């Protein structure tokens, strides 16, 4: 069975009960505001969780300890996704973020031999942007709390104010975050798609009877 441990609130995690919530809700490590002790504590906590959970991995779905382990992994996965979606550009370079790098991979064809046409790539970007926005909303305004990472359930009032603190910085066109870059790429791709021509072409035979 997993032992219960007391864990400190993760740095940069949005909290509706805290007055020190920072605009942007960035979960990235800030060397000027963090310490090596906090980092070591978080790492050791996660390692303890893994080591304890793996001991009963075979029947964790049926045991209380296994249920806690599964819930903790879900919370940590959400926190990781939120970090990726709101990651700041380094030196103003969008390619410094993991999601923008992955977005470039989405632009490749299935066999990796070339790039997708603008009309096809913008469809993938739209789906990616939609999912990223859902992650932000789920972190800031969850229906139920995520206790392991201290994401509190949404309040009954003031929800728009909470969302706007992060929206302006991370999920709008021109923001220094992956979603802002994807919005810019999608707009550019849609402009190119209008001049790209049809996605299929055909030719008539010389006698005008056959299409190939």
Protein backbone atom coordinates (compact mmCIF):
# COMPACT_ATOMS: atom_id res chain seq x y z
CA UNK A 1 0.00 0.00 0.00
CA UNK A 2 1.25 3.45 -0.79
CA UNK A 3 2.21 5.56 2.14
CA UNK A 4 0.72 9.02 2.40
CA UNK A 5 3.27 11.80 2.11
CA UNK A 6 2.98 15.54 2.44
CA UNK A 7 3.99 17.33 -0.71
CA UNK A 8 4.53 21.01 -1.29
CA UNK A 9 2.47 22.91 -3.85
CA UNK A 10 4.13 22.73 -7.25
CA UNK A 11 5.62 26.01 -8.40
CA UNK A 12 3.47 27.94 -10.86
CA UNK A 13 0.33 25.85 -10.37
CA UNK A 14 -2.85 27.94 -10.64
CA UNK A 15 -4.78 28.25 -7.40
CA UNK A 16 -8.10 30.06 -6.96
CA UNK A 17 -7.43 30.48 -3.25
CA UNK A 18 -3.98 32.04 -3.60
CA UNK A 19 -3.40 35.76 -4.10
CA UNK A 20 0.03 35.15 -5.59
CA UNK A 21 -1.27 33.64 -8.83
CA UNK A 22 0.94 34.86 -11.66
CA UNK A 23 -0.44 35.91 -15.02
CA UNK A 24 0.40 33.24 -17.53
CA UNK A 25 0.40 30.33 -15.11
CA UNK A 26 3.80 29.20 -16.41
CA UNK A 27 5.00 25.93 -14.92
CA UNK A 28 8.53 26.27 -16.24
CA UNK A 29 11.45 26.34 -13.80
CA UNK A 30 12.44 29.88 -12.86
CA UNK A 31 15.97 29.88 -11.55
CA UNK A 32 15.47 33.23 -9.84
CA UNK A 33 12.48 32.01 -7.80
CA UNK A 34 13.23 28.36 -7.13
CA UNK A 35 15.80 26.45 -5.17
CA UNK A 36 17.69 23.22 -5.60
CA UNK A 37 15.97 21.87 -2.49
CA UNK A 38 12.49 22.20 -3.99
CA UNK A 39 13.59 20.47 -7.18
CA UNK A 40 15.18 17.59 -5.28
CA UNK A 41 12.06 17.20 -3.12
CA UNK A 42 9.76 16.99 -6.14
CA UNK A 43 12.04 14.49 -7.84
CA UNK A 44 12.32 12.29 -4.76
CA UNK A 45 8.55 12.42 -4.20
CA UNK A 46 7.88 11.22 -7.73
CA UNK A 47 10.53 8.49 -7.46
CA UNK A 48 8.97 7.32 -4.18
CA UNK A 49 5.57 7.22 -5.84
CA UNK A 50 6.86 5.15 -8.74
CA UNK A 51 8.81 2.71 -6.58
CA UNK A 52 5.88 2.15 -4.23
CA UNK A 53 3.33 1.86 -7.02
CA UNK A 54 5.34 -0.60 -9.08
CA UNK A 55 5.50 -3.03 -6.15
CA UNK A 56 1.79 -3.75 -6.53
CA UNK A 57 1.49 -3.10 -10.25
CA UNK A 58 -0.09 -6.48 -11.00
CA UNK A 59 -3.27 -5.76 -9.05
CA UNK A 60 -3.21 -1.97 -8.72
CA UNK A 61 -6.58 -1.64 -10.45
CA UNK A 62 -8.24 -3.60 -7.62
CA UNK A 63 -6.41 -2.15 -4.62
CA UNK A 64 -6.81 1.25 -2.91
CA UNK A 65 -3.08 1.84 -3.35
CA UNK A 66 -3.33 1.10 -7.05
CA UNK A 67 -6.21 3.52 -7.43
CA UNK A 68 -4.20 6.26 -5.76
CA UNK A 69 -1.21 5.51 -7.97
CA UNK A 70 -3.35 5.68 -11.10
CA UNK A 71 -4.96 8.95 -10.01
CA UNK A 72 -1.57 10.49 -9.25
CA UNK A 73 -0.28 9.57 -12.71
CA UNK A 74 -3.33 11.18 -14.30
CA UNK A 75 -2.73 14.37 -12.32
CA UNK A 76 0.95 14.44 -13.24
CA UNK A 77 0.12 13.83 -16.90
CA UNK A 78 -2.22 16.82 -16.89
CA UNK A 79 0.45 18.95 -15.26
CA UNK A 80 2.99 17.90 -17.91
CA UNK A 81 0.56 18.74 -20.72
CA UNK A 82 -0.12 22.14 -19.20
CA UNK A 83 3.59 22.85 -18.97
CA UNK A 84 4.08 21.92 -22.63
CA UNK A 85 1.15 24.06 -23.77
CA UNK A 86 2.26 27.14 -21.81
CA UNK A 87 6.04 26.77 -22.21
CA UNK A 88 7.74 30.12 -22.81
CA UNK A 89 9.93 30.75 -25.84
CA UNK A 90 13.65 30.90 -25.09
CA UNK A 91 15.34 33.96 -26.61
CA UNK A 92 12.13 34.62 -28.52
CA UNK A 93 12.57 31.44 -30.59
CA UNK A 94 9.44 29.34 -31.02
CA UNK A 95 11.51 26.29 -31.97
CA UNK A 96 12.85 26.18 -28.41
CA UNK A 97 9.58 24.65 -27.18
CA UNK A 98 8.78 20.95 -27.45
CA UNK A 99 5.28 21.37 -28.87
CA UNK A 100 6.39 23.64 -31.71
CA UNK A 101 9.07 21.10 -32.57
CA UNK A 102 6.42 18.38 -32.59
CA UNK A 103 4.20 20.61 -34.72
CA UNK A 104 6.91 20.54 -37.37
CA UNK A 105 6.82 16.74 -37.32
CA UNK A 106 3.07 16.88 -37.98
CA UNK A 107 3.86 18.68 -41.22
CA UNK A 108 5.65 15.66 -42.66
CA UNK A 109 3.95 13.14 -44.91
CA UNK A 110 3.22 9.68 -43.53
CA UNK A 111 6.33 8.19 -45.16
CA UNK A 112 8.52 11.13 -44.12
CA UNK A 113 9.62 11.84 -47.68
CA UNK A 114 8.13 15.33 -47.92
CA UNK A 115 5.82 17.92 -46.44
CA UNK A 116 2.04 18.03 -46.39
CA UNK A 117 0.19 20.53 -48.54
CA UNK A 118 -1.02 23.64 -46.66
CA UNK A 119 -4.66 22.56 -46.86
CA UNK A 120 -3.89 19.26 -45.14
CA UNK A 121 -1.52 20.68 -42.54
CA UNK A 122 -3.95 23.34 -41.32
CA UNK A 123 -6.46 20.61 -40.48
CA UNK A 124 -3.92 18.95 -38.18
CA UNK A 125 -3.05 22.30 -36.62
CA UNK A 126 -6.70 23.07 -35.91
CA UNK A 127 -7.14 19.77 -34.06
CA UNK A 128 -3.91 20.37 -32.15
CA UNK A 129 -4.97 23.89 -31.13
CA UNK A 130 -8.36 22.64 -29.98
CA UNK A 131 -6.83 19.95 -27.75
CA UNK A 132 -4.27 22.38 -26.32
CA UNK A 133 -7.00 24.83 -25.36
CA UNK A 134 -8.94 22.06 -23.65
CA UNK A 135 -5.88 21.31 -21.51
CA UNK A 136 -5.65 24.95 -20.41
CA UNK A 137 -9.35 25.11 -19.53
CA UNK A 138 -9.20 21.80 -17.65
CA UNK A 139 -6.30 23.03 -15.52
CA UNK A 140 -7.73 26.46 -14.76
CA UNK A 141 -11.40 25.56 -14.39
CA UNK A 142 -11.71 21.84 -13.61
CA UNK A 143 -15.08 20.47 -12.56
CA UNK A 144 -13.41 18.45 -9.81
CA UNK A 145 -10.09 19.08 -8.11
CA UNK A 146 -6.79 17.36 -8.92
CA UNK A 147 -5.50 16.95 -5.40
CA UNK A 148 -2.06 15.51 -6.13
CA UNK A 149 -0.98 18.57 -8.15
CA UNK A 150 -3.17 21.03 -6.19
CA UNK A 151 -5.47 22.06 -9.04
CA UNK A 152 -8.59 23.24 -7.23
CA UNK A 153 -12.11 22.83 -8.56
CA UNK A 154 -13.47 25.86 -10.36
CA UNK A 155 -15.21 28.48 -8.23
CA UNK A 156 -18.84 29.38 -8.72
CA UNK A 157 -17.99 32.95 -9.74
CA UNK A 158 -15.09 34.81 -11.33
CA UNK A 159 -14.29 32.02 -13.78
CA UNK A 160 -13.67 34.37 -16.70
CA UNK A 161 -11.16 36.40 -14.70
CA UNK A 162 -9.21 33.24 -13.89
CA UNK A 163 -9.17 32.16 -17.53
CA UNK A 164 -8.16 35.59 -18.84
CA UNK A 165 -5.04 35.66 -16.67
CA UNK A 166 -3.60 32.84 -18.74
CA UNK A 167 -5.45 33.32 -22.02
CA UNK A 168 -3.78 36.61 -22.94
CA UNK A 169 -0.31 35.22 -22.32
CA UNK A 170 -0.51 31.71 -23.76
CA UNK A 171 -3.47 30.91 -26.02
CA UNK A 172 -3.92 34.01 -28.17
CA UNK A 173 -2.41 34.93 -31.53
CA UNK A 174 0.94 36.62 -30.96
CA UNK A 175 1.57 35.12 -27.53
CA UNK A 176 5.04 33.78 -26.74
CA UNK A 177 3.78 30.23 -26.31
CA UNK A 178 3.16 27.22 -28.60
CA UNK A 179 -0.54 27.94 -29.24
CA UNK A 180 0.27 31.45 -30.42
CA UNK A 181 2.76 30.01 -32.91
CA UNK A 182 0.26 27.40 -34.13
CA UNK A 183 -2.40 30.07 -34.65
CA UNK A 184 0.06 32.05 -36.75
CA UNK A 185 1.04 28.98 -38.78
CA UNK A 186 -2.59 28.07 -39.38
CA UNK A 187 -3.43 31.56 -40.63
CA UNK A 188 -0.42 31.46 -42.96
CA UNK A 189 -1.32 27.96 -44.16
CA UNK A 190 -4.90 28.96 -44.94
CA UNK A 191 -3.64 31.90 -46.99
CA UNK A 192 -1.34 29.60 -48.96
CA UNK A 193 -4.05 26.98 -49.43
CA UNK A 194 -6.17 29.36 -51.50
CA UNK A 195 -3.37 29.61 -54.07
CA UNK A 196 -2.27 25.99 -53.83
CA UNK A 197 -4.83 24.69 -56.29
CA UNK A 198 -6.98 21.57 -55.91
CA UNK A 199 -5.70 18.62 -53.92
CA UNK A 200 -6.27 16.31 -56.89
CA UNK A 201 -5.63 16.64 -60.63
CA UNK A 202 -6.81 14.71 -63.67
CA UNK A 203 -6.05 14.60 -67.37
CA UNK A 204 -8.23 13.79 -70.35
CA UNK A 205 -7.00 11.37 -72.95
CA UNK A 206 -6.37 12.66 -76.47
CA UNK A 207 -9.72 11.33 -77.68
CA UNK A 208 -11.55 13.01 -74.80
CA UNK A 209 -13.08 9.75 -73.56
CA UNK A 210 -10.85 8.76 -70.63
CA UNK A 211 -9.87 10.53 -67.43
CA UNK A 212 -6.62 9.63 -65.70
